[in-house]
Every structure is written in structure tokens, then in C-alpha cells.
Amino acid sequence: MNELVIIFIVTMMCVPAFASDLAKEKRWEAQVVDALIDGDELYLESEGIAFLAIEMPSESDKSVGVIVVHGMGVHPNWEQVVQPVRIGLAESGLFTLSIQMPVLANDAAGKDYESLMPQAASRLDSAIGYLKEQGISKIVIVAHSLGTEMVSHYLSGAAGQIDDAVVGFVGVSMSASSPNYLRRISLPVLDLFGSDDYPGALASVPNRKAAASHNEKYAQVAVMGANHFFDGNEAVLIDEIKQFITLFWK
């Protein structure tokens, strides 16, 4: 058993056990589906639970797909970061799939989400499997805020073997816990944050860079003037992600 798995198990023993708030997911689902304009809803399955996803298939290219992962407690069509990214990348010709991640009640703390990591990993597996069924051979995962912790935990191998179809990871405003996992990730990573980001995201910038020092395919980019949600800087955010994905889009 590797060191990271041992640390993760010990950590899980020290935090309360939580499961996703399925009632909250259903409330989000009703709001999202009712207001959905760009993209089509579908339902994937993980651990016997159906969860919402929004797909925008590419009409021109099926070689690269993008899984979009939201932040703490929200949904796959969140107006900040998630919606602009999933639509903007789709308009560029990429197949995008935005997925509902496990959520907790509104008063839950960030640390409470640690026990949801196995559920998050299972949902990522389902999303990857779905894209492969659509003929996608290369998958990039784009995540925001707490979603970056869920994805970096998954890509570190703490939840099991990673599918070879996953070729890159974009972490937008990465969480302070991300360095724990970045040291175990070797695939290409774009660590993207705003100069006016949350204090936790900014404070962990040097730790993230140090943790990823073994990875020659890791890049850290600060967007000047951008806040945690890239309000007013959506075009720059999408352009930075597109430039990164161009590495695989051939």
C-alpha cells in the first residue's frame, strides 16, 4: 500500500463520514434542467445512483473531450467558471461534459468534503467511461476550486488506477490541499489562478509549485486582475485552457 493511500485512509478515519446530499442534488437538478439552454442533460450512474450531467457534443472533432467539474456545493451549470468554460470550449469544437459532483448541505465546511472523495472518484470514472463510449480517445479534466481537490485526489491514484484516456488536468483556483496530491501526478497540469484569488489559493501557490517540481509538464499561470470566480475574465480563462488543450488536440 503506497504512502498516499495510507495517509488518505488515516485522514478519513479522523473526519466525520458524509454522503452526498441527494435531496440537494435533486433540487439543483430541477433548477438546472428547467433553465438549460446550451447543451443536453443526461444521467450517468455511479454506485447505483443516477447523477446529472450536461453534454455538448462536438460536430467537428471527437478526438478530445473535456470533463468540467464544479466547486463546493454547486452544480454542473454554475454561472461562474463552469458554464462559461463548458460552453466556450464546446464552441471551439471540443466535446464537453459537465458533471454533478457530490455535495453537502450549505452549512458544511470544506473539510467535511474529504469523506466524499471516493464518491467523487466514482463519478469521474463514470464520466470518463461515457466519453470513451462516444469515441473520445483523449480526455482533459477542468476543475474549479474544491473540484480541483476532488480531481487531484483522483489523479494522484489514491482512489485506484487512472484511465489512460485522461491526458491532462486544468486546476482553476486550486485548493490549499492540492499539494498533497500534486506530488503524485505526472500527467500535464495547468495550475491557473487569479492575482486576486482567495487567500488560501494564493497562499498555496509556492507549495503547489514545489509539490509538482518533479513534473516537467506542470505549468502555473496567474491571470492578473482575476478573482476566484474569474468574473469579467471569462474570455481569458477560456483562452488559457484552450491553449493548454491544444497540446493534445491534433
C-alpha atoms as a PDB file:
ATOM      1  CA  MET A   1       0.000   0.000   0.000  1.00  0.00           C
ATOM      2  CA  ASN A   2       1.574   3.296  -1.068  1.00  0.00           C
ATOM      3  CA  GLU A   3       2.210   6.208   1.277  1.00  0.00           C
ATOM      4  CA  LEU A   4      -0.517   8.439  -0.179  1.00  0.00           C
ATOM      5  CA  VAL A   5      -3.197   5.760   0.239  1.00  0.00           C
ATOM      6  CA  ILE A   6      -2.148   5.244   3.882  1.00  0.00           C
ATOM      7  CA  ILE A   7      -2.313   8.996   4.566  1.00  0.00           C
ATOM      8  CA  PHE A   8      -5.723   9.207   2.908  1.00  0.00           C
ATOM      9  CA  ILE A   9      -7.101   6.295   4.960  1.00  0.00           C
ATOM     10  CA  VAL A  10      -5.838   7.799   8.206  1.00  0.00           C
ATOM     11  CA  THR A  11      -7.338  11.163   7.240  1.00  0.00           C
ATOM     12  CA  MET A  12     -10.704   9.563   6.530  1.00  0.00           C
ATOM     13  CA  MET A  13     -10.652   7.943   9.972  1.00  0.00           C
ATOM     14  CA  CYS A  14     -10.280  11.373  11.542  1.00  0.00           C
ATOM     15  CA  VAL A  15     -13.207  13.124   9.831  1.00  0.00           C
ATOM     16  CA  PRO A  16     -16.956  12.501  10.095  1.00  0.00           C
ATOM     17  CA  ALA A  17     -18.432  10.217   7.437  1.00  0.00           C
ATOM     18  CA  PHE A  18     -20.674  12.021   4.983  1.00  0.00           C
ATOM     19  CA  ALA A  19     -22.514  11.037   1.831  1.00  0.00           C
ATOM     20  CA  SER A  20     -23.717  13.352  -0.892  1.00  0.00           C
ATOM     21  CA  ASP A  21     -26.904  15.243  -0.070  1.00  0.00           C
ATOM     22  CA  LEU A  22     -29.086  13.631  -2.747  1.00  0.00           C
ATOM     23  CA  ALA A  23     -32.070  15.820  -1.920  1.00  0.00           C
ATOM     24  CA  LYS A  24     -29.941  18.887  -2.604  1.00  0.00           C
ATOM     25  CA  GLU A  25     -28.736  17.313  -5.845  1.00  0.00           C
ATOM     26  CA  LYS A  26     -32.355  16.841  -6.902  1.00  0.00           C
ATOM     27  CA  ARG A  27     -33.139  20.472  -6.144  1.00  0.00           C
ATOM     28  CA  TRP A  28     -30.177  21.605  -8.210  1.00  0.00           C
ATOM     29  CA  GLU A  29     -31.205  19.197 -10.970  1.00  0.00           C
ATOM     30  CA  ALA A  30     -34.700  20.668 -11.209  1.00  0.00           C
ATOM     31  CA  GLN A  31     -33.313  24.210 -11.461  1.00  0.00           C
ATOM     32  CA  VAL A  32     -30.621  23.311 -13.984  1.00  0.00           C
ATOM     33  CA  VAL A  33     -32.782  21.250 -16.327  1.00  0.00           C
ATOM     34  CA  ASP A  34     -35.603  23.791 -16.298  1.00  0.00           C
ATOM     35  CA  ALA A  35     -33.272  26.645 -17.279  1.00  0.00           C
ATOM     36  CA  LEU A  36     -30.891  24.736 -19.577  1.00  0.00           C
ATOM     37  CA  ILE A  37     -30.364  26.399 -22.961  1.00  0.00           C
ATOM     38  CA  ASP A  38     -26.919  25.316 -24.143  1.00  0.00           C
ATOM     39  CA  GLY A  39     -26.363  21.572 -24.007  1.00  0.00           C
ATOM     40  CA  ASP A  40     -28.425  18.492 -23.218  1.00  0.00           C
ATOM     41  CA  GLU A  41     -28.996  16.865 -19.853  1.00  0.00           C
ATOM     42  CA  LEU A  42     -28.226  13.207 -19.368  1.00  0.00           C
ATOM     43  CA  TYR A  43     -27.887  10.920 -16.393  1.00  0.00           C
ATOM     44  CA  LEU A  44     -24.840   8.854 -15.571  1.00  0.00           C
ATOM     45  CA  GLU A  45     -24.674   6.215 -12.878  1.00  0.00           C
ATOM     46  CA  SER A  46     -22.236   5.831 -10.018  1.00  0.00           C
ATOM     47  CA  GLU A  47     -22.545   3.374  -7.128  1.00  0.00           C
ATOM     48  CA  GLY A  48     -26.175   2.747  -8.046  1.00  0.00           C
ATOM     49  CA  ILE A  49     -27.015   6.480  -8.037  1.00  0.00           C
ATOM     50  CA  ALA A  50     -28.034   8.427 -11.135  1.00  0.00           C
ATOM     51  CA  PHE A  51     -26.458  11.880 -11.307  1.00  0.00           C
ATOM     52  CA  LEU A  52     -26.915  14.798 -13.669  1.00  0.00           C
ATOM     53  CA  ALA A  53     -24.508  15.701 -16.446  1.00  0.00           C
ATOM     54  CA  ILE A  54     -24.669  18.212 -19.308  1.00  0.00           C
ATOM     55  CA  GLU A  55     -23.132  17.340 -22.635  1.00  0.00           C
ATOM     56  CA  MET A  56     -22.295  19.413 -25.667  1.00  0.00           C
ATOM     57  CA  PRO A  57     -21.012  17.024 -28.351  1.00  0.00           C
ATOM     58  CA  SER A  58     -18.629  18.303 -30.978  1.00  0.00           C
ATOM     59  CA  GLU A  59     -19.866  18.361 -34.534  1.00  0.00           C
ATOM     60  CA  SER A  60     -16.370  18.646 -35.958  1.00  0.00           C
ATOM     61  CA  ASP A  61     -13.980  16.642 -33.780  1.00  0.00           C
ATOM     62  CA  LYS A  62     -14.326  13.726 -31.401  1.00  0.00           C
ATOM     63  CA  SER A  63     -10.663  13.220 -30.614  1.00  0.00           C
ATOM     64  CA  VAL A  64     -10.641  15.300 -27.410  1.00  0.00           C
ATOM     65  CA  GLY A  65     -13.278  15.542 -24.702  1.00  0.00           C
ATOM     66  CA  VAL A  66     -13.377  17.787 -21.640  1.00  0.00           C
ATOM     67  CA  ILE A  67     -14.918  16.891 -18.290  1.00  0.00           C
ATOM     68  CA  VAL A  68     -15.866  20.043 -16.351  1.00  0.00           C
ATOM     69  CA  VAL A  69     -16.005  19.790 -12.537  1.00  0.00           C
ATOM     70  CA  HIS A  70     -17.647  22.453 -10.378  1.00  0.00           C
ATOM     71  CA  GLY A  71     -16.661  23.739  -6.936  1.00  0.00           C
ATOM     72  CA  MET A  72     -18.126  23.218  -3.457  1.00  0.00           C
ATOM     73  CA  GLY A  73     -21.833  22.572  -3.156  1.00  0.00           C
ATOM     74  CA  VAL A  74     -22.988  23.830  -6.542  1.00  0.00           C
ATOM     75  CA  HIS A  75     -23.968  22.252  -9.887  1.00  0.00           C
ATOM     76  CA  PRO A  76     -22.756  21.469 -13.449  1.00  0.00           C
ATOM     77  CA  ASN A  77     -24.189  24.655 -14.954  1.00  0.00           C
ATOM     78  CA  TRP A  78     -22.947  27.094 -12.313  1.00  0.00           C
ATOM     79  CA  GLU A  79     -22.872  30.570 -13.817  1.00  0.00           C
ATOM     80  CA  GLN A  80     -19.321  31.326 -12.685  1.00  0.00           C
ATOM     81  CA  VAL A  81     -16.425  29.447 -14.292  1.00  0.00           C
ATOM     82  CA  VAL A  82     -18.346  26.221 -15.028  1.00  0.00           C
ATOM     83  CA  GLN A  83     -20.954  27.445 -17.503  1.00  0.00           C
ATOM     84  CA  PRO A  84     -18.605  29.785 -19.414  1.00  0.00           C
ATOM     85  CA  VAL A  85     -15.942  27.076 -19.671  1.00  0.00           C
ATOM     86  CA  ARG A  86     -18.203  24.233 -20.789  1.00  0.00           C
ATOM     87  CA  ILE A  87     -19.914  26.409 -23.420  1.00  0.00           C
ATOM     88  CA  GLY A  88     -16.786  28.259 -24.542  1.00  0.00           C
ATOM     89  CA  LEU A  89     -14.799  25.088 -25.094  1.00  0.00           C
ATOM     90  CA  ALA A  90     -17.720  23.461 -26.912  1.00  0.00           C
ATOM     91  CA  GLU A  91     -17.954  26.464 -29.225  1.00  0.00           C
ATOM     92  CA  SER A  92     -14.283  25.872 -30.018  1.00  0.00           C
ATOM     93  CA  GLY A  93     -15.106  22.391 -31.279  1.00  0.00           C
ATOM     94  CA  LEU A  94     -14.485  20.303 -28.170  1.00  0.00           C
ATOM     95  CA  PHE A  95     -16.892  17.737 -26.721  1.00  0.00           C
ATOM     96  CA  THR A  96     -17.690  18.939 -23.194  1.00  0.00           C
ATOM     97  CA  LEU A  97     -19.314  17.020 -20.357  1.00  0.00           C
ATOM     98  CA  SER A  98     -20.065  18.893 -17.130  1.00  0.00           C
ATOM     99  CA  ILE A  99     -20.969  16.630 -14.213  1.00  0.00           C
ATOM    100  CA  GLN A 100     -22.716  16.908 -10.870  1.00  0.00           C
ATOM    101  CA  MET A 101     -20.243  16.139  -8.116  1.00  0.00           C
ATOM    102  CA  PRO A 102     -21.217  15.061  -4.563  1.00  0.00           C
ATOM    103  CA  VAL A 103     -22.491  17.962  -2.457  1.00  0.00           C
ATOM    104  CA  LEU A 104     -23.260  18.611   1.180  1.00  0.00           C
ATOM    105  CA  ALA A 105     -25.634  20.946   2.988  1.00  0.00           C
ATOM    106  CA  ASN A 106     -24.978  24.671   2.728  1.00  0.00           C
ATOM    107  CA  ASP A 107     -23.533  24.873   6.246  1.00  0.00           C
ATOM    108  CA  ALA A 108     -20.943  22.125   5.620  1.00  0.00           C
ATOM    109  CA  ALA A 109     -17.274  23.076   5.933  1.00  0.00           C
ATOM    110  CA  GLY A 110     -14.691  22.381   3.271  1.00  0.00           C
ATOM    111  CA  LYS A 111     -13.043  19.718   5.430  1.00  0.00           C
ATOM    112  CA  ASP A 112     -16.351  17.826   5.563  1.00  0.00           C
ATOM    113  CA  TYR A 113     -15.967  17.133   1.858  1.00  0.00           C
ATOM    114  CA  GLU A 114     -12.882  14.987   2.445  1.00  0.00           C
ATOM    115  CA  SER A 115     -15.042  11.948   3.082  1.00  0.00           C
ATOM    116  CA  LEU A 116     -16.760  12.443  -0.303  1.00  0.00           C
ATOM    117  CA  MET A 117     -13.561  11.775  -2.247  1.00  0.00           C
ATOM    118  CA  PRO A 118     -14.404   8.106  -3.026  1.00  0.00           C
ATOM    119  CA  GLN A 119     -17.831   9.146  -4.342  1.00  0.00           C
ATOM    120  CA  ALA A 120     -16.230  11.885  -6.422  1.00  0.00           C
ATOM    121  CA  ALA A 121     -13.752   9.413  -7.884  1.00  0.00           C
ATOM    122  CA  SER A 122     -16.545   7.032  -8.844  1.00  0.00           C
ATOM    123  CA  ARG A 123     -18.387   9.812 -10.674  1.00  0.00           C
ATOM    124  CA  LEU A 124     -15.246  10.765 -12.549  1.00  0.00           C
ATOM    125  CA  ASP A 125     -14.856   7.135 -13.612  1.00  0.00           C
ATOM    126  CA  SER A 126     -18.437   7.156 -14.920  1.00  0.00           C
ATOM    127  CA  ALA A 127     -17.861  10.362 -16.881  1.00  0.00           C
ATOM    128  CA  ILE A 128     -14.639   9.033 -18.393  1.00  0.00           C
ATOM    129  CA  GLY A 129     -16.383   5.812 -19.365  1.00  0.00           C
ATOM    130  CA  TYR A 130     -19.210   7.724 -21.033  1.00  0.00           C
ATOM    131  CA  LEU A 131     -16.860   9.861 -23.124  1.00  0.00           C
ATOM    132  CA  LYS A 132     -14.955   6.788 -24.249  1.00  0.00           C
ATOM    133  CA  GLU A 133     -18.236   5.222 -25.331  1.00  0.00           C
ATOM    134  CA  GLN A 134     -18.761   8.284 -27.542  1.00  0.00           C
ATOM    135  CA  GLY A 135     -15.457   7.593 -29.293  1.00  0.00           C
ATOM    136  CA  ILE A 136     -13.361  10.106 -27.334  1.00  0.00           C
ATOM    137  CA  SER A 137      -9.759   8.935 -27.103  1.00  0.00           C
ATOM    138  CA  LYS A 138      -8.218  11.844 -25.158  1.00  0.00           C
ATOM    139  CA  ILE A 139      -9.796  13.421 -22.087  1.00  0.00           C
ATOM    140  CA  VAL A 140      -8.824  16.603 -20.243  1.00  0.00           C
ATOM    141  CA  ILE A 141     -10.412  17.360 -16.866  1.00  0.00           C
ATOM    142  CA  VAL A 142     -11.048  21.015 -15.984  1.00  0.00           C
ATOM    143  CA  ALA A 143     -11.996  21.688 -12.358  1.00  0.00           C
ATOM    144  CA  HIS A 144     -12.641  24.739 -10.208  1.00  0.00           C
ATOM    145  CA  SER A 145     -11.952  25.412  -6.517  1.00  0.00           C
ATOM    146  CA  LEU A 146     -12.899  22.418  -4.316  1.00  0.00           C
ATOM    147  CA  GLY A 147     -13.415  20.450  -7.512  1.00  0.00           C
ATOM    148  CA  THR A 148      -9.655  20.685  -8.067  1.00  0.00           C
ATOM    149  CA  GLU A 149      -9.096  18.821  -4.801  1.00  0.00           C
ATOM    150  CA  MET A 150     -11.501  16.070  -5.852  1.00  0.00           C
ATOM    151  CA  VAL A 151      -9.806  15.738  -9.230  1.00  0.00           C
ATOM    152  CA  SER A 152      -6.222  15.959  -7.955  1.00  0.00           C
ATOM    153  CA  HIS A 153      -7.030  13.310  -5.340  1.00  0.00           C
ATOM    154  CA  TYR A 154      -8.390  11.117  -8.135  1.00  0.00           C
ATOM    155  CA  LEU A 155      -5.442  11.721 -10.486  1.00  0.00           C
ATOM    156  CA  SER A 156      -2.934  11.016  -7.714  1.00  0.00           C
ATOM    157  CA  GLY A 157      -4.033   7.384  -7.772  1.00  0.00           C
ATOM    158  CA  ALA A 158      -5.391   7.477  -4.224  1.00  0.00           C
ATOM    159  CA  ALA A 159      -8.712   6.100  -5.476  1.00  0.00           C
ATOM    160  CA  GLY A 160      -7.234   3.478  -7.808  1.00  0.00           C
ATOM    161  CA  GLN A 161      -5.784   3.220 -11.294  1.00  0.00           C
ATOM    162  CA  ILE A 162      -6.299   6.148 -13.677  1.00  0.00           C
ATOM    163  CA  ASP A 163      -7.642   5.509 -17.154  1.00  0.00           C
ATOM    164  CA  ASP A 164      -5.029   6.124 -19.859  1.00  0.00           C
ATOM    165  CA  ALA A 165      -7.560   8.199 -21.785  1.00  0.00           C
ATOM    166  CA  VAL A 166      -7.032  11.048 -19.292  1.00  0.00           C
ATOM    167  CA  VAL A 167      -4.204  13.126 -20.766  1.00  0.00           C
ATOM    168  CA  GLY A 168      -4.341  16.435 -18.887  1.00  0.00           C
ATOM    169  CA  PHE A 169      -5.722  18.390 -15.943  1.00  0.00           C
ATOM    170  CA  VAL A 170      -6.568  22.078 -15.587  1.00  0.00           C
ATOM    171  CA  GLY A 171      -6.986  23.243 -11.999  1.00  0.00           C
ATOM    172  CA  VAL A 172      -8.662  26.660 -11.751  1.00  0.00           C
ATOM    173  CA  SER A 173      -8.075  28.335  -8.363  1.00  0.00           C
ATOM    174  CA  MET A 174      -6.711  25.148  -6.847  1.00  0.00           C
ATOM    175  CA  SER A 175      -7.482  24.314  -3.228  1.00  0.00           C
ATOM    176  CA  ALA A 176      -4.936  24.614  -0.438  1.00  0.00           C
ATOM    177  CA  SER A 177      -4.934  20.810  -0.074  1.00  0.00           C
ATOM    178  CA  SER A 178      -3.901  20.200  -3.683  1.00  0.00           C
ATOM    179  CA  PRO A 179      -0.130  19.980  -2.955  1.00  0.00           C
ATOM    180  CA  ASN A 180      -0.823  16.730  -1.065  1.00  0.00           C
ATOM    181  CA  TYR A 181      -1.806  15.164  -4.383  1.00  0.00           C
ATOM    182  CA  LEU A 182       0.190  17.107  -6.990  1.00  0.00           C
ATOM    183  CA  ARG A 183       3.395  15.388  -5.915  1.00  0.00           C
ATOM    184  CA  ARG A 184       1.846  12.128  -7.168  1.00  0.00           C
ATOM    185  CA  ILE A 185       0.598  13.433 -10.515  1.00  0.00           C
ATOM    186  CA  SER A 186       2.797  13.142 -13.585  1.00  0.00           C
ATOM    187  CA  LEU A 187       0.439  13.968 -16.448  1.00  0.00           C
ATOM    188  CA  PRO A 188       0.318  17.532 -17.856  1.00  0.00           C
ATOM    189  CA  VAL A 189      -1.184  20.036 -15.386  1.00  0.00           C
ATOM    190  CA  LEU A 190      -2.167  23.677 -15.835  1.00  0.00           C
ATOM    191  CA  ASP A 191      -2.410  25.402 -12.434  1.00  0.00           C
ATOM    192  CA  LEU A 192      -4.435  28.519 -13.239  1.00  0.00           C
ATOM    193  CA  PHE A 193      -5.361  31.173 -10.679  1.00  0.00           C
ATOM    194  CA  GLY A 194      -6.230  34.854 -10.368  1.00  0.00           C
ATOM    195  CA  SER A 195      -3.990  37.506  -8.892  1.00  0.00           C
ATOM    196  CA  ASP A 196      -6.971  38.496  -6.685  1.00  0.00           C
ATOM    197  CA  ASP A 197      -7.898  34.919  -5.815  1.00  0.00           C
ATOM    198  CA  TYR A 198      -8.962  33.650  -2.402  1.00  0.00           C
ATOM    199  CA  PRO A 199      -6.209  33.874   0.239  1.00  0.00           C
ATOM    200  CA  GLY A 200      -5.999  30.065   0.529  1.00  0.00           C
ATOM    201  CA  ALA A 201      -5.489  29.630  -3.204  1.00  0.00           C
ATOM    202  CA  LEU A 202      -2.806  32.323  -3.259  1.00  0.00           C
ATOM    203  CA  ALA A 203      -1.029  31.136  -0.115  1.00  0.00           C
ATOM    204  CA  SER A 204      -0.611  27.639  -1.534  1.00  0.00           C
ATOM    205  CA  VAL A 205       0.873  28.808  -4.861  1.00  0.00           C
ATOM    206  CA  PRO A 206       4.517  28.132  -3.856  1.00  0.00           C
ATOM    207  CA  ASN A 207       3.561  24.848  -2.175  1.00  0.00           C
ATOM    208  CA  ARG A 208       1.779  23.674  -5.323  1.00  0.00           C
ATOM    209  CA  LYS A 209       4.766  24.554  -7.465  1.00  0.00           C
ATOM    210  CA  ALA A 210       7.135  22.750  -5.102  1.00  0.00           C
ATOM    211  CA  ALA A 211       4.890  19.683  -4.932  1.00  0.00           C
ATOM    212  CA  ALA A 212       4.841  19.479  -8.725  1.00  0.00           C
ATOM    213  CA  SER A 213       8.576  20.093  -9.180  1.00  0.00           C
ATOM    214  CA  HIS A 214       9.038  16.527 -10.441  1.00  0.00           C
ATOM    215  CA  ASN A 215       6.548  17.134 -13.264  1.00  0.00           C
ATOM    216  CA  GLU A 216       8.091  18.784 -16.319  1.00  0.00           C
ATOM    217  CA  LYS A 217       4.579  19.080 -17.787  1.00  0.00           C
ATOM    218  CA  TYR A 218       3.283  21.245 -14.939  1.00  0.00           C
ATOM    219  CA  ALA A 219       2.694  24.961 -15.587  1.00  0.00           C
ATOM    220  CA  GLN A 220       1.486  27.658 -13.224  1.00  0.00           C
ATOM    221  CA  VAL A 221      -0.249  30.724 -14.665  1.00  0.00           C
ATOM    222  CA  ALA A 222      -1.588  33.789 -12.853  1.00  0.00           C
ATOM    223  CA  VAL A 223      -4.262  35.871 -14.569  1.00  0.00           C
ATOM    224  CA  MET A 224      -3.777  39.458 -13.490  1.00  0.00           C
ATOM    225  CA  GLY A 225      -6.862  41.127 -12.034  1.00  0.00           C
ATOM    226  CA  ALA A 226      -8.886  37.913 -11.894  1.00  0.00           C
ATOM    227  CA  ASN A 227     -10.712  36.879  -8.736  1.00  0.00           C
ATOM    228  CA  HIS A 228     -11.593  33.364  -7.550  1.00  0.00           C
ATOM    229  CA  PHE A 229     -14.505  33.165  -9.988  1.00  0.00           C
ATOM    230  CA  PHE A 230     -12.803  34.970 -12.905  1.00  0.00           C
ATOM    231  CA  ASP A 231     -15.709  37.430 -13.019  1.00  0.00           C
ATOM    232  CA  GLY A 232     -15.148  39.634 -16.072  1.00  0.00           C
ATOM    233  CA  ASN A 233     -12.167  37.497 -17.106  1.00  0.00           C
ATOM    234  CA  GLU A 234     -14.047  34.556 -18.585  1.00  0.00           C
ATOM    235  CA  ALA A 235     -12.590  35.055 -22.074  1.00  0.00           C
ATOM    236  CA  VAL A 236      -9.033  34.985 -20.723  1.00  0.00           C
ATOM    237  CA  LEU A 237      -9.826  31.898 -18.657  1.00  0.00           C
ATOM    238  CA  ILE A 238     -11.200  30.036 -21.662  1.00  0.00           C
ATOM    239  CA  ASP A 239      -8.285  31.111 -23.855  1.00  0.00           C
ATOM    240  CA  GLU A 240      -5.717  29.845 -21.334  1.00  0.00           C
ATOM    241  CA  ILE A 241      -7.497  26.483 -21.126  1.00  0.00           C
ATOM    242  CA  LYS A 242      -7.747  26.230 -24.923  1.00  0.00           C
ATOM    243  CA  GLN A 243      -4.028  26.891 -25.292  1.00  0.00           C
ATOM    244  CA  PHE A 244      -3.309  24.069 -22.858  1.00  0.00           C
ATOM    245  CA  ILE A 245      -5.669  21.649 -24.612  1.00  0.00           C
ATOM    246  CA  THR A 246      -4.047  22.453 -27.953  1.00  0.00           C
ATOM    247  CA  LEU A 247      -1.179  20.234 -26.741  1.00  0.00           C
ATOM    248  CA  PHE A 248      -3.450  17.215 -27.202  1.00  0.00           C
ATOM    249  CA  TRP A 249      -5.806  18.467 -29.917  1.00  0.00           C
ATOM    250  CA  LYS A 250      -4.185  17.021 -33.028  1.00  0.00           C
END
